[in-house]
C-alpha atoms as a PDB file:
ATOM      1  CA  MET A   1      86.463  87.637 117.853  1.00  0.00           C
ATOM      2  CA  THR A   2      86.768  84.259 119.510  1.00  0.00           C
ATOM      3  CA  GLU A   3      90.299  83.012 120.033  1.00  0.00           C
ATOM      4  CA  THR A   4      90.091  79.389 118.990  1.00  0.00           C
ATOM      5  CA  THR A   5      92.243  77.485 116.545  1.00  0.00           C
ATOM      6  CA  ASP A   6      90.339  74.292 115.740  1.00  0.00           C
ATOM      7  CA  SER A   7      87.804  75.945 113.459  1.00  0.00           C
ATOM      8  CA  PHE A   8      90.265  77.561 111.064  1.00  0.00           C
ATOM      9  CA  SER A   9      93.262  75.243 110.881  1.00  0.00           C
ATOM     10  CA  PRO A  10      94.862  75.390 107.431  1.00  0.00           C
ATOM     11  CA  SER A  11      93.754  72.753 104.968  1.00  0.00           C
ATOM     12  CA  THR A  12      97.365  71.778 104.314  1.00  0.00           C
ATOM     13  CA  ALA A  13      99.236  70.690 107.455  1.00  0.00           C
ATOM     14  CA  MET A  14     102.695  72.237 107.367  1.00  0.00           C
ATOM     15  CA  SER A  15     105.128  73.266 110.057  1.00  0.00           C
ATOM     16  CA  GLN A  16     105.677  76.914 110.813  1.00  0.00           C
ATOM     17  CA  GLY A  17     108.657  78.340 108.974  1.00  0.00           C
ATOM     18  CA  THR A  18     107.951  76.430 105.742  1.00  0.00           C
ATOM     19  CA  THR A  19     107.422  78.742 102.777  1.00  0.00           C
ATOM     20  CA  MET A  20     103.760  78.978 101.835  1.00  0.00           C
ATOM     21  CA  LEU A  21     103.814  81.890  99.381  1.00  0.00           C
ATOM     22  CA  ASP A  22     106.687  82.661  97.049  1.00  0.00           C
ATOM     23  CA  ALA A  23     106.333  85.698  94.775  1.00  0.00           C
ATOM     24  CA  ARG A  24     109.257  86.330  92.441  1.00  0.00           C
ATOM     25  CA  HIS A  25     109.981  89.333  90.219  1.00  0.00           C
ATOM     26  CA  LEU A  26     106.343  90.337  89.810  1.00  0.00           C
ATOM     27  CA  THR A  27     105.683  93.004  87.196  1.00  0.00           C
ATOM     28  CA  ARG A  28     102.367  94.441  86.075  1.00  0.00           C
ATOM     29  CA  ARG A  29     101.664  97.344  83.725  1.00  0.00           C
ATOM     30  CA  PHE A  30      98.506  99.293  82.985  1.00  0.00           C
ATOM     31  CA  GLY A  31      99.173 100.912  79.643  1.00  0.00           C
ATOM     32  CA  THR A  32     102.418 102.827  79.990  1.00  0.00           C
ATOM     33  CA  ARG A  33     102.236 102.908  83.800  1.00  0.00           C
ATOM     34  CA  VAL A  34     104.193 100.226  85.669  1.00  0.00           C
ATOM     35  CA  ALA A  35     102.091  99.531  88.787  1.00  0.00           C
ATOM     36  CA  VAL A  36     104.284  96.714  90.124  1.00  0.00           C
ATOM     37  CA  ASP A  37     107.950  96.642  89.172  1.00  0.00           C
ATOM     38  CA  ASP A  38     110.050  93.510  89.886  1.00  0.00           C
ATOM     39  CA  VAL A  39     108.548  92.824  93.336  1.00  0.00           C
ATOM     40  CA  SER A  40     109.663  89.679  95.206  1.00  0.00           C
ATOM     41  CA  PHE A  41     108.730  88.407  98.677  1.00  0.00           C
ATOM     42  CA  HIS A  42     107.878  85.171 100.461  1.00  0.00           C
ATOM     43  CA  VAL A  43     105.683  84.237 103.425  1.00  0.00           C
ATOM     44  CA  ALA A  44     105.987  81.188 105.693  1.00  0.00           C
ATOM     45  CA  TYR A  45     103.242  79.226 107.395  1.00  0.00           C
ATOM     46  CA  GLY A  46     102.383  80.966 110.666  1.00  0.00           C
ATOM     47  CA  GLU A  47     103.923  84.246 109.509  1.00  0.00           C
ATOM     48  CA  THR A  48     102.124  87.563 109.035  1.00  0.00           C
ATOM     49  CA  TYR A  49     103.734  89.606 106.290  1.00  0.00           C
ATOM     50  CA  GLY A  50     102.766  93.245 105.897  1.00  0.00           C
ATOM     51  CA  LEU A  51     102.831  95.240 102.679  1.00  0.00           C
ATOM     52  CA  LEU A  52     103.096  98.798 103.886  1.00  0.00           C
ATOM     53  CA  GLY A  53     102.697 101.833 101.726  1.00  0.00           C
ATOM     54  CA  PRO A  54     100.491 104.747 100.726  1.00  0.00           C
ATOM     55  CA  ASN A  55      97.444 104.528  98.498  1.00  0.00           C
ATOM     56  CA  GLY A  56      98.535 103.979  94.917  1.00  0.00           C
ATOM     57  CA  ALA A  57     101.845 102.392  95.913  1.00  0.00           C
ATOM     58  CA  GLY A  58     101.094  99.031  94.274  1.00  0.00           C
ATOM     59  CA  LYS A  59      99.849  97.057  97.286  1.00  0.00           C
ATOM     60  CA  THR A  60      96.470  96.029  95.892  1.00  0.00           C
ATOM     61  CA  THR A  61      97.872  95.179  92.461  1.00  0.00           C
ATOM     62  CA  SER A  62     100.555  93.027  94.093  1.00  0.00           C
ATOM     63  CA  ILE A  63      98.093  90.968  96.083  1.00  0.00           C
ATOM     64  CA  ARG A  64      95.745  90.593  93.116  1.00  0.00           C
ATOM     65  CA  LEU A  65      98.695  89.059  91.303  1.00  0.00           C
ATOM     66  CA  VAL A  66      99.355  86.812  94.304  1.00  0.00           C
ATOM     67  CA  CYS A  67      95.729  85.657  94.332  1.00  0.00           C
ATOM     68  CA  GLY A  68      95.595  84.998  90.595  1.00  0.00           C
ATOM     69  CA  LEU A  69      93.043  87.750  90.011  1.00  0.00           C
ATOM     70  CA  LEU A  70      95.377  89.545  87.603  1.00  0.00           C
ATOM     71  CA  SER A  71      97.857  88.093  85.151  1.00  0.00           C
ATOM     72  CA  ALA A  72     101.457  89.204  85.582  1.00  0.00           C
ATOM     73  CA  HIS A  73     103.513  90.680  82.758  1.00  0.00           C
ATOM     74  CA  GLY A  74     106.573  89.219  84.425  1.00  0.00           C
ATOM     75  CA  GLY A  75     107.520  86.962  87.332  1.00  0.00           C
ATOM     76  CA  GLU A  76     105.747  84.063  89.007  1.00  0.00           C
ATOM     77  CA  VAL A  77     103.814  83.145  92.145  1.00  0.00           C
ATOM     78  CA  THR A  78     103.597  79.777  93.894  1.00  0.00           C
ATOM     79  CA  VAL A  79     101.308  78.898  96.805  1.00  0.00           C
ATOM     80  CA  ALA A  80     102.023  75.647  98.678  1.00  0.00           C
ATOM     81  CA  GLY A  81     104.426  74.804  95.862  1.00  0.00           C
ATOM     82  CA  MET A  82     101.769  75.180  93.158  1.00  0.00           C
ATOM     83  CA  PRO A  83     101.895  77.883  90.466  1.00  0.00           C
ATOM     84  CA  VAL A  84      99.233  80.582  90.668  1.00  0.00           C
ATOM     85  CA  SER A  85      97.588  82.012  87.579  1.00  0.00           C
ATOM     86  CA  THR A  86      94.229  83.415  86.543  1.00  0.00           C
ATOM     87  CA  THR A  87      93.271  79.975  85.176  1.00  0.00           C
ATOM     88  CA  GLU A  88      94.646  77.642  87.880  1.00  0.00           C
ATOM     89  CA  PRO A  89      91.940  76.679  90.420  1.00  0.00           C
ATOM     90  CA  LYS A  90      93.950  74.211  92.524  1.00  0.00           C
ATOM     91  CA  SER A  91      96.364  76.757  93.992  1.00  0.00           C
ATOM     92  CA  LYS A  92      93.571  79.318  94.406  1.00  0.00           C
ATOM     93  CA  ALA A  93      91.757  76.845  96.663  1.00  0.00           C
ATOM     94  CA  GLN A  94      94.572  77.390  99.182  1.00  0.00           C
ATOM     95  CA  ILE A  95      93.888  81.153  99.337  1.00  0.00           C
ATOM     96  CA  GLY A  96      91.367  83.156 101.327  1.00  0.00           C
ATOM     97  CA  TYR A  97      91.067  86.686  99.935  1.00  0.00           C
ATOM     98  CA  VAL A  98      89.521  89.621 101.813  1.00  0.00           C
ATOM     99  CA  PRO A  99      89.130  92.537  99.365  1.00  0.00           C
ATOM    100  CA  GLN A 100      89.394  96.194 100.289  1.00  0.00           C
ATOM    101  CA  ASP A 101      85.710  96.743  99.543  1.00  0.00           C
ATOM    102  CA  VAL A 102      83.180  94.749 101.562  1.00  0.00           C
ATOM    103  CA  SER A 103      81.801  92.014  99.288  1.00  0.00           C
ATOM    104  CA  LEU A 104      78.552  90.986 100.952  1.00  0.00           C
ATOM    105  CA  TYR A 105      74.847  90.971 100.087  1.00  0.00           C
ATOM    106  CA  PRO A 106      73.197  93.532 102.398  1.00  0.00           C
ATOM    107  CA  ASP A 107      69.673  92.151 102.002  1.00  0.00           C
ATOM    108  CA  LEU A 108      70.775  88.665 103.142  1.00  0.00           C
ATOM    109  CA  THR A 109      71.495  87.630 106.715  1.00  0.00           C
ATOM    110  CA  ALA A 110      75.017  86.873 107.923  1.00  0.00           C
ATOM    111  CA  ARG A 111      74.228  83.151 107.847  1.00  0.00           C
ATOM    112  CA  GLU A 112      72.772  83.380 104.341  1.00  0.00           C
ATOM    113  CA  ASN A 113      75.844  85.231 103.105  1.00  0.00           C
ATOM    114  CA  LEU A 114      78.198  82.614 104.537  1.00  0.00           C
ATOM    115  CA  THR A 115      76.051  79.808 103.151  1.00  0.00           C
ATOM    116  CA  PHE A 116      76.156  81.360  99.684  1.00  0.00           C
ATOM    117  CA  PHE A 117      79.947  81.745  99.742  1.00  0.00           C
ATOM    118  CA  GLY A 118      80.347  78.264 101.227  1.00  0.00           C
ATOM    119  CA  ARG A 119      78.501  76.801  98.249  1.00  0.00           C
ATOM    120  CA  LEU A 120      80.906  78.607  95.942  1.00  0.00           C
ATOM    121  CA  TYR A 121      83.634  76.679  97.763  1.00  0.00           C
ATOM    122  CA  ARG A 122      81.632  73.472  97.042  1.00  0.00           C
ATOM    123  CA  LEU A 123      80.569  72.939 100.628  1.00  0.00           C
ATOM    124  CA  SER A 124      77.094  71.531 101.155  1.00  0.00           C
ATOM    125  CA  GLY A 125      74.736  69.829 103.569  1.00  0.00           C
ATOM    126  CA  SER A 126      75.650  69.311 107.201  1.00  0.00           C
ATOM    127  CA  ALA A 127      79.332  70.086 106.558  1.00  0.00           C
ATOM    128  CA  LEU A 128      78.372  73.542 105.270  1.00  0.00           C
ATOM    129  CA  ARG A 129      75.982  74.234 108.150  1.00  0.00           C
ATOM    130  CA  GLN A 130      78.637  73.212 110.677  1.00  0.00           C
ATOM    131  CA  ARG A 131      81.270  75.351 109.000  1.00  0.00           C
ATOM    132  CA  VAL A 132      78.979  78.403 108.933  1.00  0.00           C
ATOM    133  CA  ASP A 133      78.343  77.964 112.667  1.00  0.00           C
ATOM    134  CA  GLU A 134      82.091  77.684 113.320  1.00  0.00           C
ATOM    135  CA  VAL A 135      82.880  80.825 111.356  1.00  0.00           C
ATOM    136  CA  LEU A 136      80.090  82.832 113.004  1.00  0.00           C
ATOM    137  CA  GLU A 137      81.529  81.888 116.383  1.00  0.00           C
ATOM    138  CA  LEU A 138      85.042  82.707 115.250  1.00  0.00           C
ATOM    139  CA  ILE A 139      84.090  86.215 114.132  1.00  0.00           C
ATOM    140  CA  ASP A 140      81.894  86.727 117.218  1.00  0.00           C
ATOM    141  CA  LEU A 141      78.665  87.118 115.263  1.00  0.00           C
ATOM    142  CA  SER A 142      76.771  84.010 116.379  1.00  0.00           C
ATOM    143  CA  ASP A 143      74.088  86.140 118.024  1.00  0.00           C
ATOM    144  CA  ARG A 144      73.627  88.167 114.811  1.00  0.00           C
ATOM    145  CA  GLY A 145      73.668  85.277 112.359  1.00  0.00           C
ATOM    146  CA  ASN A 146      70.008  85.679 111.414  1.00  0.00           C
ATOM    147  CA  ASP A 147      70.154  89.482 111.058  1.00  0.00           C
ATOM    148  CA  ARG A 148      70.430  91.185 107.701  1.00  0.00           C
ATOM    149  CA  VAL A 149      73.857  92.577 106.885  1.00  0.00           C
ATOM    150  CA  GLU A 150      72.335  95.980 106.063  1.00  0.00           C
ATOM    151  CA  SER A 151      71.767  96.418 109.814  1.00  0.00           C
ATOM    152  CA  PHE A 152      75.438  95.776 110.672  1.00  0.00           C
ATOM    153  CA  SER A 153      78.030  98.375 111.624  1.00  0.00           C
ATOM    154  CA  GLY A 154      81.068  98.862 109.418  1.00  0.00           C
ATOM    155  CA  GLY A 155      83.219  96.793 111.763  1.00  0.00           C
ATOM    156  CA  MET A 156      80.743  93.905 111.814  1.00  0.00           C
ATOM    157  CA  LYS A 157      80.630  93.872 108.008  1.00  0.00           C
ATOM    158  CA  ARG A 158      84.418  93.741 107.905  1.00  0.00           C
ATOM    159  CA  ARG A 159      84.454  90.797 110.312  1.00  0.00           C
ATOM    160  CA  LEU A 160      81.856  88.944 108.256  1.00  0.00           C
ATOM    161  CA  ASN A 161      83.920  89.670 105.142  1.00  0.00           C
ATOM    162  CA  ILE A 162      86.900  87.992 106.825  1.00  0.00           C
ATOM    163  CA  GLY A 163      84.697  85.086 107.907  1.00  0.00           C
ATOM    164  CA  ALA A 164      83.629  84.435 104.307  1.00  0.00           C
ATOM    165  CA  SER A 165      87.282  84.019 103.321  1.00  0.00           C
ATOM    166  CA  LEU A 166      87.839  81.355 106.013  1.00  0.00           C
ATOM    167  CA  LEU A 167      84.997  78.985 105.116  1.00  0.00           C
ATOM    168  CA  HIS A 168      87.183  76.628 103.059  1.00  0.00           C
ATOM    169  CA  ARG A 169      90.037  76.557 105.614  1.00  0.00           C
ATOM    170  CA  PRO A 170      92.675  78.269 103.451  1.00  0.00           C
ATOM    171  CA  SER A 171      96.395  78.005 104.093  1.00  0.00           C
ATOM    172  CA  LEU A 172      97.066  81.569 102.949  1.00  0.00           C
ATOM    173  CA  LEU A 173      94.921  84.514 104.057  1.00  0.00           C
ATOM    174  CA  VAL A 174      95.296  87.729 102.049  1.00  0.00           C
ATOM    175  CA  LEU A 175      93.724  90.902 103.455  1.00  0.00           C
ATOM    176  CA  ASP A 176      93.650  94.189 101.593  1.00  0.00           C
ATOM    177  CA  GLU A 177      93.300  97.030 104.131  1.00  0.00           C
ATOM    178  CA  PRO A 178      90.561  95.309 106.169  1.00  0.00           C
ATOM    179  CA  THR A 179      90.299  98.068 108.803  1.00  0.00           C
ATOM    180  CA  VAL A 180      89.556 101.022 106.509  1.00  0.00           C
ATOM    181  CA  GLY A 181      86.589 103.004 107.776  1.00  0.00           C
ATOM    182  CA  VAL A 182      85.970 101.095 111.010  1.00  0.00           C
ATOM    183  CA  ASP A 183      85.858 102.366 114.577  1.00  0.00           C
ATOM    184  CA  PRO A 184      88.827 101.823 116.949  1.00  0.00           C
ATOM    185  CA  GLN A 185      87.119  99.025 118.896  1.00  0.00           C
ATOM    186  CA  SER A 186      86.333  97.081 115.718  1.00  0.00           C
ATOM    187  CA  ARG A 187      89.842  97.698 114.411  1.00  0.00           C
ATOM    188  CA  HIS A 188      91.303  96.241 117.596  1.00  0.00           C
ATOM    189  CA  ALA A 189      89.057  93.162 117.308  1.00  0.00           C
ATOM    190  CA  ILE A 190      90.055  92.617 113.674  1.00  0.00           C
ATOM    191  CA  LEU A 191      93.772  92.917 114.446  1.00  0.00           C
ATOM    192  CA  GLU A 192      93.488  90.502 117.368  1.00  0.00           C
ATOM    193  CA  SER A 193      91.670  87.948 115.216  1.00  0.00           C
ATOM    194  CA  ILE A 194      94.339  88.156 112.505  1.00  0.00           C
ATOM    195  CA  ARG A 195      97.066  87.705 115.104  1.00  0.00           C
ATOM    196  CA  THR A 196      95.262  84.577 116.336  1.00  0.00           C
ATOM    197  CA  LEU A 197      94.954  83.199 112.799  1.00  0.00           C
ATOM    198  CA  GLY A 198      98.672  83.600 112.264  1.00  0.00           C
ATOM    199  CA  SER A 199      99.506  81.867 115.522  1.00  0.00           C
ATOM    200  CA  ALA A 200      97.299  78.954 114.396  1.00  0.00           C
ATOM    201  CA  GLY A 201      99.557  78.374 111.397  1.00  0.00           C
ATOM    202  CA  LEU A 202      98.043  80.413 108.590  1.00  0.00           C
ATOM    203  CA  ALA A 203     100.310  82.404 106.336  1.00  0.00           C
ATOM    204  CA  VAL A 204      98.915  85.937 106.259  1.00  0.00           C
ATOM    205  CA  VAL A 205      99.544  88.777 103.824  1.00  0.00           C
ATOM    206  CA  TYR A 206      98.248  92.054 105.197  1.00  0.00           C
ATOM    207  CA  THR A 207      98.241  95.302 103.248  1.00  0.00           C
ATOM    208  CA  THR A 208      97.840  98.625 104.997  1.00  0.00           C
ATOM    209  CA  HIS A 209      98.916 102.238 104.933  1.00  0.00           C
ATOM    210  CA  TYR A 210      98.549 102.467 108.729  1.00  0.00           C
ATOM    211  CA  MET A 211     102.045 102.319 110.214  1.00  0.00           C
ATOM    212  CA  GLU A 212     100.907 101.338 113.708  1.00  0.00           C
ATOM    213  CA  GLU A 213      98.987  98.304 112.417  1.00  0.00           C
ATOM    214  CA  ALA A 214     102.032  96.940 110.638  1.00  0.00           C
ATOM    215  CA  GLU A 215     104.222  97.481 113.705  1.00  0.00           C
ATOM    216  CA  LYS A 216     101.815  95.660 116.044  1.00  0.00           C
ATOM    217  CA  LEU A 217     100.726  92.827 113.771  1.00  0.00           C
ATOM    218  CA  CYS A 218     103.377  91.836 111.272  1.00  0.00           C
ATOM    219  CA  ASP A 219     106.359  89.525 111.755  1.00  0.00           C
ATOM    220  CA  ARG A 220     108.019  91.019 108.691  1.00  0.00           C
ATOM    221  CA  ILE A 221     107.204  94.082 106.630  1.00  0.00           C
ATOM    222  CA  GLY A 222     107.792  95.082 103.040  1.00  0.00           C
ATOM    223  CA  ILE A 223     107.632  98.791 102.241  1.00  0.00           C
ATOM    224  CA  ILE A 224     106.301  99.387  98.751  1.00  0.00           C
ATOM    225  CA  ASP A 225     106.172 102.726  96.958  1.00  0.00           C
ATOM    226  CA  HIS A 226     105.674 103.615  93.302  1.00  0.00           C
ATOM    227  CA  GLY A 227     105.534  99.899  92.480  1.00  0.00           C
ATOM    228  CA  HIS A 228     108.914  99.071  94.022  1.00  0.00           C
ATOM    229  CA  LEU A 229     109.611  97.045  97.156  1.00  0.00           C
ATOM    230  CA  ILE A 230     112.101  99.483  98.641  1.00  0.00           C
ATOM    231  CA  ALA A 231     112.817  97.770 101.985  1.00  0.00           C
ATOM    232  CA  GLU A 232     111.968  94.572 103.860  1.00  0.00           C
ATOM    233  CA  GLY A 233     112.511  93.072 107.318  1.00  0.00           C
ATOM    234  CA  THR A 234     111.171  93.135 110.853  1.00  0.00           C
ATOM    235  CA  SER A 235     110.078  96.490 112.202  1.00  0.00           C
ATOM    236  CA  ARG A 236     113.267  96.683 114.251  1.00  0.00           C
ATOM    237  CA  ASP A 237     115.419  95.630 111.299  1.00  0.00           C
ATOM    238  CA  LEU A 238     113.950  98.357 109.125  1.00  0.00           C
ATOM    239  CA  VAL A 239     114.565 100.977 111.782  1.00  0.00           C
ATOM    240  CA  SER A 240     118.167  99.851 112.258  1.00  0.00           C
ATOM    241  CA  GLN A 241     118.800 100.022 108.500  1.00  0.00           C
ATOM    242  CA  VAL A 242     118.342 103.780 108.555  1.00  0.00           C
ATOM    243  CA  GLY A 243     120.500 104.285 111.631  1.00  0.00           C
ATOM    244  CA  LYS A 244     117.874 105.679 113.955  1.00  0.00           C
ATOM    245  CA  LYS A 245     118.493 105.596 117.710  1.00  0.00           C
ATOM    246  CA  ASP A 246     116.267 105.492 120.771  1.00  0.00           C
ATOM    247  CA  ARG A 247     115.925 108.622 122.888  1.00  0.00           C
ATOM    248  CA  ILE A 248     115.458 108.279 126.659  1.00  0.00           C
ATOM    249  CA  THR A 249     114.137 111.400 128.420  1.00  0.00           C
ATOM    250  CA  MET A 250     114.135 111.445 132.229  1.00  0.00           C
ATOM    251  CA  SER A 251     112.644 114.183 134.353  1.00  0.00           C
ATOM    252  CA  ALA A 252     114.758 114.255 137.513  1.00  0.00           C
ATOM    253  CA  ASN A 253     115.903 116.136 140.603  1.00  0.00           C
ATOM    254  CA  GLY A 254     119.336 116.120 142.193  1.00  0.00           C
ATOM    255  CA  SER A 255     122.823 116.043 140.751  1.00  0.00           C
ATOM    256  CA  LEU A 256     121.958 115.964 137.062  1.00  0.00           C
ATOM    257  CA  ALA A 257     125.542 116.739 136.005  1.00  0.00           C
ATOM    258  CA  ALA A 258     126.937 113.757 137.928  1.00  0.00           C
ATOM    259  CA  PHE A 259     124.136 111.551 136.600  1.00  0.00           C
ATOM    260  CA  ALA A 260     124.824 112.661 133.031  1.00  0.00           C
ATOM    261  CA  GLU A 261     128.545 111.994 133.430  1.00  0.00           C
ATOM    262  CA  ALA A 262     127.847 108.490 134.754  1.00  0.00           C
ATOM    263  CA  CYS A 263     125.652 107.807 131.722  1.00  0.00           C
ATOM    264  CA  ARG A 264     128.324 109.038 129.309  1.00  0.00           C
ATOM    265  CA  SER A 265     130.691 106.343 130.564  1.00  0.00           C
ATOM    266  CA  MET A 266     128.225 103.539 129.747  1.00  0.00           C
ATOM    267  CA  PRO A 267     128.806 101.475 126.588  1.00  0.00           C
ATOM    268  CA  GLY A 268     126.176 102.073 123.937  1.00  0.00           C
ATOM    269  CA  ILE A 269     125.214 105.555 125.131  1.00  0.00           C
ATOM    270  CA  GLU A 270     126.072 107.821 122.218  1.00  0.00           C
ATOM    271  CA  ARG A 271     124.985 111.191 123.569  1.00  0.00           C
ATOM    272  CA  VAL A 272     123.830 112.721 126.850  1.00  0.00           C
ATOM    273  CA  ASP A 273     122.238 116.171 127.184  1.00  0.00           C
ATOM    274  CA  ILE A 274     120.852 118.119 130.126  1.00  0.00           C
ATOM    275  CA  ALA A 275     117.853 120.318 129.408  1.00  0.00           C
ATOM    276  CA  ASP A 276     116.109 122.188 132.230  1.00  0.00           C
ATOM    277  CA  SER A 277     115.236 119.488 134.793  1.00  0.00           C
ATOM    278  CA  SER A 278     115.664 116.512 132.486  1.00  0.00           C
ATOM    279  CA  VAL A 279     118.421 114.312 131.099  1.00  0.00           C
ATOM    280  CA  GLN A 280     118.226 113.010 127.529  1.00  0.00           C
ATOM    281  CA  LEU A 281     120.132 109.980 126.284  1.00  0.00           C
ATOM    282  CA  LEU A 282     120.639 108.802 122.697  1.00  0.00           C
ATOM    283  CA  THR A 283     121.254 105.062 122.494  1.00  0.00           C
ATOM    284  CA  GLU A 284     120.415 101.773 120.834  1.00  0.00           C
ATOM    285  CA  ASP A 285     117.933  99.441 122.547  1.00  0.00           C
ATOM    286  CA  GLY A 286     116.841 102.089 125.032  1.00  0.00           C
ATOM    287  CA  ARG A 287     114.458  99.868 126.992  1.00  0.00           C
ATOM    288  CA  LEU A 288     117.199  97.299 127.582  1.00  0.00           C
ATOM    289  CA  ARG A 289     119.454  99.986 129.094  1.00  0.00           C
ATOM    290  CA  LEU A 290     116.894 101.439 131.495  1.00  0.00           C
ATOM    291  CA  ALA A 291     117.901  99.298 134.483  1.00  0.00           C
ATOM    292  CA  GLN A 292     121.544 100.335 134.149  1.00  0.00           C
ATOM    293  CA  VAL A 293     120.607 103.994 133.708  1.00  0.00           C
ATOM    294  CA  LEU A 294     118.293 104.025 136.735  1.00  0.00           C
ATOM    295  CA  GLU A 295     120.992 102.361 138.832  1.00  0.00           C
ATOM    296  CA  ALA A 296     123.355 105.202 137.837  1.00  0.00           C
ATOM    297  CA  ALA A 297     120.719 107.719 138.925  1.00  0.00           C
ATOM    298  CA  SER A 298     120.451 106.111 142.341  1.00  0.00           C
ATOM    299  CA  ARG A 299     124.234 105.945 142.675  1.00  0.00           C
ATOM    300  CA  THR A 300     124.653 109.662 141.921  1.00  0.00           C
ATOM    301  CA  GLY A 301     121.839 110.797 144.229  1.00  0.00           C
ATOM    302  CA  THR A 302     119.441 111.669 141.410  1.00  0.00           C
ATOM    303  CA  SER A 303     115.694 111.151 141.853  1.00  0.00           C
ATOM    304  CA  VAL A 304     114.005 110.217 138.569  1.00  0.00           C
ATOM    305  CA  LYS A 305     110.383 111.396 138.428  1.00  0.00           C
ATOM    306  CA  SER A 306     109.420 110.110 134.989  1.00  0.00           C
ATOM    307  CA  VAL A 307     110.938 108.163 132.087  1.00  0.00           C
ATOM    308  CA  GLU A 308     109.979 108.298 128.439  1.00  0.00           C
ATOM    309  CA  VAL A 309     111.544 106.104 125.745  1.00  0.00           C
ATOM    310  CA  ASP A 310     111.052 107.426 122.228  1.00  0.00           C
ATOM    311  CA  GLU A 311     111.770 104.611 119.798  1.00  0.00           C
ATOM    312  CA  PRO A 312     112.085 105.310 116.069  1.00  0.00           C
ATOM    313  CA  ASP A 313     109.190 103.870 114.110  1.00  0.00           C
ATOM    314  CA  LEU A 314     108.192 102.921 110.604  1.00  0.00           C
ATOM    315  CA  GLU A 315     107.059 106.464 109.904  1.00  0.00           C
ATOM    316  CA  ALA A 316     110.658 107.598 110.357  1.00  0.00           C
ATOM    317  CA  VAL A 317     111.833 104.769 108.106  1.00  0.00           C
ATOM    318  CA  PHE A 318     109.348 105.715 105.403  1.00  0.00           C
ATOM    319  CA  LEU A 319     110.363 109.351 105.547  1.00  0.00           C
ATOM    320  CA  HIS A 320     114.008 108.369 105.287  1.00  0.00           C
ATOM    321  CA  LEU A 321     113.513 106.007 102.332  1.00  0.00           C
ATOM    322  CA  THR A 322     111.097 108.096 100.270  1.00  0.00           C
ATOM    323  CA  GLY A 323     111.836 111.646 101.376  1.00  0.00           C
ATOM    324  CA  THR A 324     108.129 112.323 101.803  1.00  0.00           C
ATOM    325  CA  ALA A 325     105.480 111.833 104.461  1.00  0.00           C
ATOM    326  CA  LEU A 326     103.137 108.870 104.223  1.00  0.00           C
ATOM    327  CA  ARG A 327     100.527 109.767 101.635  1.00  0.00           C
ATOM    328  CA  GLU A 328      96.921 109.010 102.525  1.00  0.00           C
END
């Protein structure tokens, strides 16, 4: 997708860091089941916030509350300082929503689909035609604009789905698992386009149960499970909360004992082990310590053949917080 910012600048000019979305104490029940239980989070302009969790965790219900598609049984949502509800159109005009299921008309062309949705946003005439052209370029489908959507791949349909949500230049973009069922190349293109949108100033809420997507894309992450927001922060913050350390494994020749002893004397190195022809270190911020560790290898006459840094990830955090593996 084309990396340009002019064609999707938010409709409300605000500086990055200003709160765009504020969700407080959201609660939603379906019968006796509490799908969302006292969930609170906020998102700033230019920030991508990830809701991470397994299917059935409460992600989709949470964002439907945020978008005013469901009424809350408790709590409140404001977008650009305006309250959001199922009956309030002004705040909804600030939101672009990309649902989990592709919402397009397969027997219409890409251009006809965008034109239809643009009219729903009260665009018309030359302004609508110009905006459709801009969005087709943005999602890299200009050359397929006159082709029926039924001929598109899954990834192309997903990109067009995102394009439809950008027609009215929203200030908040909400995406519910937009990469489900697409090939790796299309997934990469979608993630890159979302990263570009965030850097242009949009506030983005991104739900996923793919750990690696949240790690690569999101500035902050909320982990939701069984309707509860059980942890929140940057990827690194979340990892540090559960006390996980980096592991550096070096395959080497030479005086491994002397090398290991030199590493043990370094601040921040918590453990050093020798296994076969490798040395393993347990430490915080492993990549930042590599230069010092390699200098110690050279000083002790050790030749390092390969280095691998194993950093704890969100999967480890999720396992620690829930006691179970990520459920598909």
